[in-house]
Each structure stands twice: as structure tokens, then as C-alpha cells.
């Protein structure tokens, strides 16, 4: 079964000093050992780049682009990327209106739209509350602990 790995998990995997790095690694490994396929969206990789190259003073990892590229490449090889679909915009629009989504949470709605369009029902995230609102649309939120 396919599982979308959220950016919040990728960021923890990218930062060995993060207190949740081990938890993230363990959960991804458990998914794989349990027969699930961890996948990412292009959007996740773009968001990861943004966080990796943002200064630590602004809640980023403070990496230079050369180092960020090495980590990004590692994730590109480790996680298959989901194809983008033309129907995502319409589904995203329906979700943001239906669930009253505003601001930065609209990015989460886009990931959910992509998941639903591709028949993916589970996401692995440290930001469970950001995704739980969409459970009634047919997704399951898995939060590492």
C-alpha cells in the first residue's frame, strides 16, 4: 500500500541532529518492512528544499544549496515521486472550499488532492492536526511517536 511521506518527516530525516530523526527513520523502515511503499510528491521535495536552505533563525536547516542538493538527491533515489495529474487543481479547489482551508494549509490540501486523485489513502506526517481535517475525505493520517 502506498503512503505519502509528508515534508515534516523528510525534514526530520534530513537533519541527523533533530530529536525526531530516529523516530522518522524507524517509521519509514516499519512501513517498508510492513509492505507499504513510501512515496513523495514533487511538492514535498520543493518544500524540503525551502526548509533546508532557509536560515536556522527562520526555522530552517541553514544549509547551503550544494549540501541541500546532496540530501535532495538522496531522497529522490530513496522515494519514488508521484506523478502530477491535471485533475489536482479541481480536487484541491473542492477541498479548500469544503473544509474552509486558508493560508499555508492550502499546501496540505494540495497534497491531499493529489493523494485522492491517485488513490493513495495514507500519509505519514508529524503535522497530524494539519491533515486530520481531511480524514472525512478518505485519507488516514499516520503520526510517528
N, C-alpha and C. Protein backbone atom coordinates (compact mmCIF):
# COMPACT_ATOMS: atom_id res chain seq x y z
N UNK A 1 0.84 -1.18 0.00
CA UNK A 1 0.00 0.00 0.00
C UNK A 1 0.89 1.24 0.00
N UNK A 2 0.54 2.21 -0.82
CA UNK A 2 1.31 3.45 -0.93
C UNK A 2 1.02 4.37 0.25
N UNK A 3 2.07 5.06 0.69
CA UNK A 3 1.95 6.03 1.78
C UNK A 3 2.71 7.29 1.38
N UNK A 4 2.04 8.43 1.40
CA UNK A 4 2.72 9.70 1.12
C UNK A 4 3.52 10.11 2.35
N UNK A 5 4.81 10.34 2.16
CA UNK A 5 5.67 10.82 3.24
C UNK A 5 5.66 12.34 3.19
N UNK A 6 5.14 12.96 4.23
CA UNK A 6 4.99 14.41 4.28
C UNK A 6 6.35 15.10 4.48
N UNK A 7 6.39 16.35 4.10
CA UNK A 7 7.61 17.16 4.25
C UNK A 7 8.09 17.19 5.69
N UNK A 8 7.18 17.20 6.65
CA UNK A 8 7.59 17.24 8.06
C UNK A 8 8.46 16.03 8.42
N UNK A 9 8.22 14.90 7.79
CA UNK A 9 9.03 13.71 8.02
C UNK A 9 10.35 13.83 7.26
N UNK A 10 10.30 14.31 6.03
CA UNK A 10 11.52 14.47 5.24
C UNK A 10 12.50 15.41 5.92
N UNK A 11 11.99 16.50 6.50
CA UNK A 11 12.86 17.46 7.19
C UNK A 11 13.57 16.77 8.35
N UNK A 12 12.86 15.95 9.10
CA UNK A 12 13.48 15.24 10.23
C UNK A 12 14.51 14.24 9.74
N UNK A 13 14.23 13.58 8.63
CA UNK A 13 15.18 12.64 8.05
C UNK A 13 16.44 13.35 7.54
N UNK A 14 16.27 14.58 7.07
CA UNK A 14 17.39 15.35 6.52
C UNK A 14 18.31 15.91 7.59
N UNK A 15 17.84 15.97 8.82
CA UNK A 15 18.61 16.61 9.90
C UNK A 15 18.94 15.59 10.99
N UNK A 16 20.13 15.00 10.93
CA UNK A 16 20.51 13.99 11.94
C UNK A 16 20.48 14.52 13.37
N UNK A 17 20.60 15.84 13.53
CA UNK A 17 20.59 16.43 14.88
C UNK A 17 19.18 16.61 15.42
N UNK A 18 18.17 16.45 14.59
CA UNK A 18 16.79 16.64 15.04
C UNK A 18 16.41 15.52 16.00
N UNK A 19 15.75 15.88 17.08
CA UNK A 19 15.37 14.88 18.09
C UNK A 19 14.41 13.83 17.55
N UNK A 20 13.73 14.12 16.45
CA UNK A 20 12.78 13.16 15.87
C UNK A 20 13.34 12.41 14.66
N UNK A 21 14.63 12.58 14.38
CA UNK A 21 15.26 11.89 13.26
C UNK A 21 15.11 10.37 13.40
N UNK A 22 15.43 9.85 14.56
CA UNK A 22 15.35 8.41 14.78
C UNK A 22 13.94 7.87 14.65
N UNK A 23 12.99 8.62 15.17
CA UNK A 23 11.58 8.22 15.07
C UNK A 23 11.15 8.18 13.60
N UNK A 24 11.53 9.20 12.84
CA UNK A 24 11.18 9.25 11.42
C UNK A 24 11.80 8.08 10.67
N UNK A 25 13.06 7.81 10.92
CA UNK A 25 13.74 6.69 10.26
C UNK A 25 13.07 5.37 10.59
N UNK A 26 12.75 5.19 11.85
CA UNK A 26 12.12 3.94 12.30
C UNK A 26 10.75 3.74 11.64
N UNK A 27 9.96 4.80 11.57
CA UNK A 27 8.62 4.67 10.98
C UNK A 27 8.68 4.38 9.49
N UNK A 28 9.59 5.04 8.77
CA UNK A 28 9.72 4.76 7.34
C UNK A 28 10.16 3.31 7.14
N UNK A 29 11.10 2.86 7.94
CA UNK A 29 11.57 1.47 7.85
C UNK A 29 10.42 0.50 8.16
N UNK A 30 9.63 0.80 9.19
CA UNK A 30 8.50 -0.07 9.54
C UNK A 30 7.48 -0.14 8.41
N UNK A 31 7.24 0.99 7.76
CA UNK A 31 6.33 0.98 6.61
C UNK A 31 6.85 0.04 5.53
N UNK A 32 8.13 0.19 5.22
CA UNK A 32 8.73 -0.64 4.17
C UNK A 32 8.69 -2.12 4.55
N UNK A 33 9.06 -2.42 5.78
CA UNK A 33 9.07 -3.81 6.23
C UNK A 33 7.66 -4.40 6.29
N UNK A 34 6.66 -3.54 6.48
CA UNK A 34 5.28 -3.98 6.52
C UNK A 34 4.63 -4.09 5.15
N UNK A 35 5.41 -3.86 4.10
CA UNK A 35 4.89 -3.99 2.74
C UNK A 35 4.35 -2.72 2.14
N UNK A 36 4.44 -1.60 2.84
CA UNK A 36 3.98 -0.32 2.30
C UNK A 36 5.07 0.32 1.45
N UNK A 37 4.65 1.16 0.53
CA UNK A 37 5.59 1.89 -0.33
C UNK A 37 5.57 3.37 0.03
N UNK A 38 6.61 3.87 0.71
CA UNK A 38 6.68 5.30 0.99
C UNK A 38 6.97 6.07 -0.31
N UNK A 39 6.17 7.08 -0.58
CA UNK A 39 6.29 7.90 -1.78
C UNK A 39 6.31 9.37 -1.40
N UNK A 40 6.77 10.20 -2.33
CA UNK A 40 6.73 11.65 -2.11
C UNK A 40 6.11 12.32 -3.33
N UNK A 41 5.60 13.51 -3.11
CA UNK A 41 5.13 14.36 -4.19
C UNK A 41 6.24 15.36 -4.53
N UNK A 42 6.24 15.84 -5.75
CA UNK A 42 7.19 16.88 -6.13
C UNK A 42 7.09 18.05 -5.15
N UNK A 43 5.89 18.38 -4.75
CA UNK A 43 5.67 19.47 -3.80
C UNK A 43 6.44 19.23 -2.50
N UNK A 44 6.49 17.98 -2.02
CA UNK A 44 7.24 17.68 -0.80
C UNK A 44 8.72 18.01 -0.97
N UNK A 45 9.27 17.68 -2.13
CA UNK A 45 10.69 17.93 -2.37
C UNK A 45 10.97 19.42 -2.48
N UNK A 46 10.05 20.16 -3.07
CA UNK A 46 10.21 21.62 -3.15
C UNK A 46 10.14 22.23 -1.76
N UNK A 47 9.17 21.79 -0.96
CA UNK A 47 9.06 22.29 0.41
C UNK A 47 10.31 21.93 1.22
N UNK A 48 10.83 20.72 1.02
CA UNK A 48 12.04 20.30 1.73
C UNK A 48 13.21 21.22 1.38
N UNK A 49 13.38 21.52 0.10
CA UNK A 49 14.45 22.43 -0.33
C UNK A 49 14.31 23.77 0.37
N UNK A 50 13.10 24.26 0.43
CA UNK A 50 12.84 25.55 1.07
C UNK A 50 13.28 25.54 2.52
N UNK A 51 12.93 24.50 3.25
CA UNK A 51 13.30 24.40 4.67
C UNK A 51 14.80 24.19 4.81
N UNK A 52 15.38 23.33 3.99
CA UNK A 52 16.81 23.05 4.12
C UNK A 52 17.66 24.30 3.88
N UNK A 53 17.26 25.15 2.96
CA UNK A 53 18.08 26.31 2.60
C UNK A 53 17.69 27.59 3.33
N UNK A 54 16.64 27.52 4.14
CA UNK A 54 16.23 28.68 4.93
C UNK A 54 17.15 28.77 6.16
N UNK A 55 17.49 29.98 6.60
CA UNK A 55 18.36 30.12 7.78
C UNK A 55 17.72 29.49 9.03
N UNK A 56 18.58 28.99 9.91
CA UNK A 56 18.10 28.43 11.18
C UNK A 56 17.31 29.45 11.97
N UNK A 57 17.69 30.71 11.87
CA UNK A 57 16.99 31.77 12.60
C UNK A 57 15.55 31.93 12.14
N UNK A 58 15.22 31.35 10.97
CA UNK A 58 13.86 31.42 10.44
C UNK A 58 13.25 30.02 10.33
N UNK A 59 13.65 29.15 11.27
CA UNK A 59 13.09 27.79 11.37
C UNK A 59 13.49 26.90 10.19
N UNK A 60 14.67 27.13 9.65
CA UNK A 60 15.18 26.28 8.58
C UNK A 60 16.37 25.47 9.07
N UNK A 61 17.01 24.78 8.14
CA UNK A 61 18.19 23.99 8.49
C UNK A 61 19.48 24.75 8.22
N UNK A 62 19.40 25.86 7.48
CA UNK A 62 20.58 26.69 7.24
C UNK A 62 21.63 26.06 6.35
N UNK A 63 21.23 25.17 5.45
CA UNK A 63 22.19 24.51 4.57
C UNK A 63 22.44 25.34 3.32
N UNK A 64 23.65 25.25 2.79
CA UNK A 64 23.91 25.91 1.51
C UNK A 64 23.33 25.04 0.40
N UNK A 65 23.09 25.61 -0.78
CA UNK A 65 22.46 24.85 -1.86
C UNK A 65 23.23 23.58 -2.26
N UNK A 66 24.56 23.61 -2.18
CA UNK A 66 25.32 22.41 -2.55
C UNK A 66 25.01 21.24 -1.61
N UNK A 67 24.98 21.51 -0.32
CA UNK A 67 24.67 20.46 0.66
C UNK A 67 23.21 20.02 0.52
N UNK A 68 22.32 20.99 0.32
CA UNK A 68 20.90 20.67 0.16
C UNK A 68 20.68 19.78 -1.06
N UNK A 69 21.44 20.03 -2.12
CA UNK A 69 21.28 19.22 -3.33
C UNK A 69 21.66 17.77 -3.08
N UNK A 70 22.69 17.53 -2.29
CA UNK A 70 23.11 16.17 -1.96
C UNK A 70 21.99 15.44 -1.22
N UNK A 71 21.40 16.11 -0.25
CA UNK A 71 20.32 15.49 0.53
C UNK A 71 19.09 15.28 -0.35
N UNK A 72 18.76 16.28 -1.17
CA UNK A 72 17.61 16.16 -2.06
C UNK A 72 17.79 14.96 -2.99
N UNK A 73 18.97 14.80 -3.54
CA UNK A 73 19.24 13.68 -4.44
C UNK A 73 19.06 12.34 -3.72
N UNK A 74 19.51 12.29 -2.47
CA UNK A 74 19.35 11.06 -1.68
C UNK A 74 17.86 10.70 -1.55
N UNK A 75 17.02 11.70 -1.30
CA UNK A 75 15.59 11.44 -1.18
C UNK A 75 14.96 11.09 -2.53
N UNK A 76 15.45 11.72 -3.60
CA UNK A 76 14.94 11.39 -4.94
C UNK A 76 15.19 9.91 -5.26
N UNK A 77 16.32 9.41 -4.80
CA UNK A 77 16.64 8.00 -5.04
C UNK A 77 15.90 7.06 -4.09
N UNK A 78 15.64 7.51 -2.88
CA UNK A 78 15.02 6.66 -1.86
C UNK A 78 13.51 6.54 -2.00
N UNK A 79 12.87 7.61 -2.47
CA UNK A 79 11.40 7.63 -2.51
C UNK A 79 10.91 7.90 -3.93
N UNK A 80 10.14 6.99 -4.50
CA UNK A 80 9.54 7.28 -5.80
C UNK A 80 8.65 8.52 -5.72
N UNK A 81 8.64 9.29 -6.81
CA UNK A 81 7.82 10.50 -6.87
C UNK A 81 6.48 10.19 -7.53
N UNK A 82 5.45 10.77 -6.95
CA UNK A 82 4.11 10.62 -7.51
C UNK A 82 3.98 11.48 -8.76
N UNK A 83 3.26 11.00 -9.76
CA UNK A 83 3.04 11.82 -10.95
C UNK A 83 2.04 12.93 -10.64
N UNK A 84 2.27 14.07 -11.23
CA UNK A 84 1.30 15.17 -11.13
C UNK A 84 0.15 14.87 -12.08
N UNK A 85 -1.06 15.23 -11.69
CA UNK A 85 -2.22 14.95 -12.53
C UNK A 85 -2.99 16.24 -12.81
N UNK A 86 -3.59 16.35 -13.98
CA UNK A 86 -4.34 17.56 -14.32
C UNK A 86 -5.54 17.81 -13.41
N UNK A 87 -6.09 16.75 -12.82
CA UNK A 87 -7.30 16.89 -12.00
C UNK A 87 -7.02 17.44 -10.61
N UNK A 88 -5.75 17.59 -10.25
CA UNK A 88 -5.41 18.00 -8.88
C UNK A 88 -5.98 19.38 -8.55
N UNK A 89 -5.91 20.31 -9.49
CA UNK A 89 -6.40 21.65 -9.18
C UNK A 89 -7.88 21.62 -8.80
N UNK A 90 -8.69 20.96 -9.59
CA UNK A 90 -10.13 20.92 -9.30
C UNK A 90 -10.41 20.26 -7.96
N UNK A 91 -9.70 19.17 -7.69
CA UNK A 91 -9.89 18.48 -6.41
C UNK A 91 -9.42 19.35 -5.26
N UNK A 92 -8.26 20.03 -5.46
CA UNK A 92 -7.74 20.95 -4.43
C UNK A 92 -8.76 22.05 -4.15
N UNK A 93 -9.31 22.63 -5.20
CA UNK A 93 -10.29 23.71 -5.03
C UNK A 93 -11.50 23.23 -4.25
N UNK A 94 -11.98 22.06 -4.57
CA UNK A 94 -13.10 21.49 -3.83
C UNK A 94 -12.76 21.32 -2.35
N UNK A 95 -11.56 20.82 -2.07
CA UNK A 95 -11.15 20.59 -0.67
C UNK A 95 -11.04 21.89 0.12
N UNK A 96 -10.40 22.92 -0.47
CA UNK A 96 -10.21 24.16 0.30
C UNK A 96 -11.54 24.85 0.58
N UNK A 97 -12.47 24.73 -0.35
CA UNK A 97 -13.80 25.32 -0.13
C UNK A 97 -14.58 24.48 0.89
N UNK A 98 -14.60 23.18 0.69
CA UNK A 98 -15.36 22.27 1.56
C UNK A 98 -14.89 22.33 3.01
N UNK A 99 -13.58 22.41 3.22
CA UNK A 99 -13.03 22.36 4.57
C UNK A 99 -12.63 23.74 5.11
N UNK A 100 -12.91 24.80 4.37
CA UNK A 100 -12.60 26.15 4.85
C UNK A 100 -11.11 26.38 5.09
N UNK A 101 -10.29 25.88 4.19
CA UNK A 101 -8.84 25.97 4.33
C UNK A 101 -8.37 27.36 3.94
N UNK A 102 -7.43 27.90 4.74
CA UNK A 102 -6.85 29.20 4.39
C UNK A 102 -5.36 29.20 4.67
N UNK A 103 -4.69 30.15 4.07
CA UNK A 103 -3.26 30.34 4.31
C UNK A 103 -2.41 29.16 3.88
N UNK A 104 -1.35 28.95 4.64
CA UNK A 104 -0.35 27.94 4.31
C UNK A 104 -0.93 26.52 4.30
N UNK A 105 -2.04 26.30 4.98
CA UNK A 105 -2.66 24.96 5.00
C UNK A 105 -3.17 24.56 3.61
N UNK A 106 -3.27 25.52 2.70
CA UNK A 106 -3.70 25.18 1.34
C UNK A 106 -2.69 24.26 0.66
N UNK A 107 -1.42 24.31 1.10
CA UNK A 107 -0.41 23.39 0.57
C UNK A 107 -0.73 21.95 0.99
N UNK A 108 -1.17 21.77 2.22
CA UNK A 108 -1.57 20.44 2.69
C UNK A 108 -2.76 19.93 1.89
N UNK A 109 -3.70 20.82 1.61
CA UNK A 109 -4.88 20.43 0.83
C UNK A 109 -4.47 19.97 -0.57
N UNK A 110 -3.45 20.59 -1.13
CA UNK A 110 -2.99 20.16 -2.45
C UNK A 110 -2.41 18.75 -2.39
N UNK A 111 -1.66 18.45 -1.33
CA UNK A 111 -1.13 17.09 -1.18
C UNK A 111 -2.27 16.08 -1.05
N UNK A 112 -3.28 16.44 -0.28
CA UNK A 112 -4.44 15.55 -0.12
C UNK A 112 -5.15 15.37 -1.46
N UNK A 113 -5.29 16.43 -2.23
CA UNK A 113 -5.92 16.34 -3.55
C UNK A 113 -5.15 15.37 -4.44
N UNK A 114 -3.84 15.46 -4.42
CA UNK A 114 -3.02 14.55 -5.21
C UNK A 114 -3.19 13.11 -4.73
N UNK A 115 -3.18 12.93 -3.42
CA UNK A 115 -3.38 11.59 -2.86
C UNK A 115 -4.70 10.99 -3.33
N UNK A 116 -5.76 11.76 -3.18
CA UNK A 116 -7.09 11.25 -3.55
C UNK A 116 -7.17 10.95 -5.03
N UNK A 117 -6.57 11.81 -5.85
CA UNK A 117 -6.61 11.61 -7.29
C UNK A 117 -5.88 10.33 -7.70
N UNK A 118 -4.84 9.98 -6.96
CA UNK A 118 -4.04 8.79 -7.29
C UNK A 118 -4.44 7.56 -6.48
N UNK A 119 -5.46 7.70 -5.63
CA UNK A 119 -5.93 6.56 -4.85
C UNK A 119 -5.04 6.22 -3.67
N UNK A 120 -4.27 7.17 -3.19
CA UNK A 120 -3.42 6.97 -2.01
C UNK A 120 -4.21 7.43 -0.80
N UNK A 121 -4.30 6.59 0.19
CA UNK A 121 -5.17 6.89 1.33
C UNK A 121 -4.44 7.20 2.62
N UNK A 122 -3.12 6.99 2.65
CA UNK A 122 -2.40 7.21 3.91
C UNK A 122 -1.25 8.19 3.73
N UNK A 123 -1.03 9.01 4.77
CA UNK A 123 0.12 9.91 4.80
C UNK A 123 0.83 9.78 6.14
N UNK A 124 2.14 9.81 6.09
CA UNK A 124 2.98 9.79 7.28
C UNK A 124 3.44 11.21 7.54
N UNK A 125 3.07 11.77 8.70
CA UNK A 125 3.37 13.18 8.98
C UNK A 125 3.56 13.43 10.46
N UNK A 126 4.39 14.41 10.78
CA UNK A 126 4.49 14.90 12.15
C UNK A 126 3.46 16.00 12.39
N UNK A 127 2.80 16.45 11.33
CA UNK A 127 1.82 17.53 11.42
C UNK A 127 0.40 16.97 11.30
N UNK A 128 0.09 16.02 12.16
CA UNK A 128 -1.20 15.33 12.10
C UNK A 128 -2.40 16.24 12.11
N UNK A 129 -2.37 17.26 12.95
CA UNK A 129 -3.52 18.16 13.04
C UNK A 129 -3.79 18.89 11.73
N UNK A 130 -2.74 19.13 10.95
CA UNK A 130 -2.92 19.82 9.67
C UNK A 130 -3.64 18.95 8.65
N UNK A 131 -3.55 17.64 8.82
CA UNK A 131 -4.15 16.71 7.86
C UNK A 131 -5.43 16.06 8.37
N UNK A 132 -5.64 16.02 9.67
CA UNK A 132 -6.81 15.32 10.23
C UNK A 132 -8.13 15.87 9.70
N UNK A 133 -8.18 17.15 9.43
CA UNK A 133 -9.44 17.73 8.92
C UNK A 133 -9.90 17.05 7.63
N UNK A 134 -8.95 16.42 6.91
CA UNK A 134 -9.28 15.79 5.63
C UNK A 134 -9.62 14.31 5.75
N UNK A 135 -9.62 13.77 6.96
CA UNK A 135 -9.90 12.34 7.11
C UNK A 135 -11.28 11.96 6.56
N UNK A 136 -12.24 12.85 6.72
CA UNK A 136 -13.59 12.53 6.21
C UNK A 136 -13.63 12.51 4.68
N UNK A 137 -12.59 13.03 4.04
CA UNK A 137 -12.50 12.96 2.58
C UNK A 137 -11.94 11.62 2.12
N UNK A 138 -11.43 10.84 3.08
CA UNK A 138 -10.98 9.50 2.73
C UNK A 138 -9.50 9.21 2.92
N UNK A 139 -8.82 10.03 3.73
CA UNK A 139 -7.41 9.73 3.99
C UNK A 139 -7.21 9.28 5.43
N UNK A 140 -6.10 8.60 5.66
CA UNK A 140 -5.71 8.18 7.01
C UNK A 140 -4.40 8.88 7.35
N UNK A 141 -4.33 9.46 8.53
CA UNK A 141 -3.15 10.17 8.98
C UNK A 141 -2.37 9.28 9.94
N UNK A 142 -1.10 9.05 9.62
CA UNK A 142 -0.22 8.27 10.48
C UNK A 142 0.80 9.23 11.08
N UNK A 143 0.82 9.31 12.40
CA UNK A 143 1.75 10.21 13.10
C UNK A 143 2.78 9.38 13.86
N UNK A 144 4.06 9.52 13.51
CA UNK A 144 5.10 8.82 14.27
C UNK A 144 5.12 9.30 15.72
N UNK A 145 5.40 8.38 16.61
CA UNK A 145 5.51 8.78 18.03
C UNK A 145 6.66 8.06 18.68
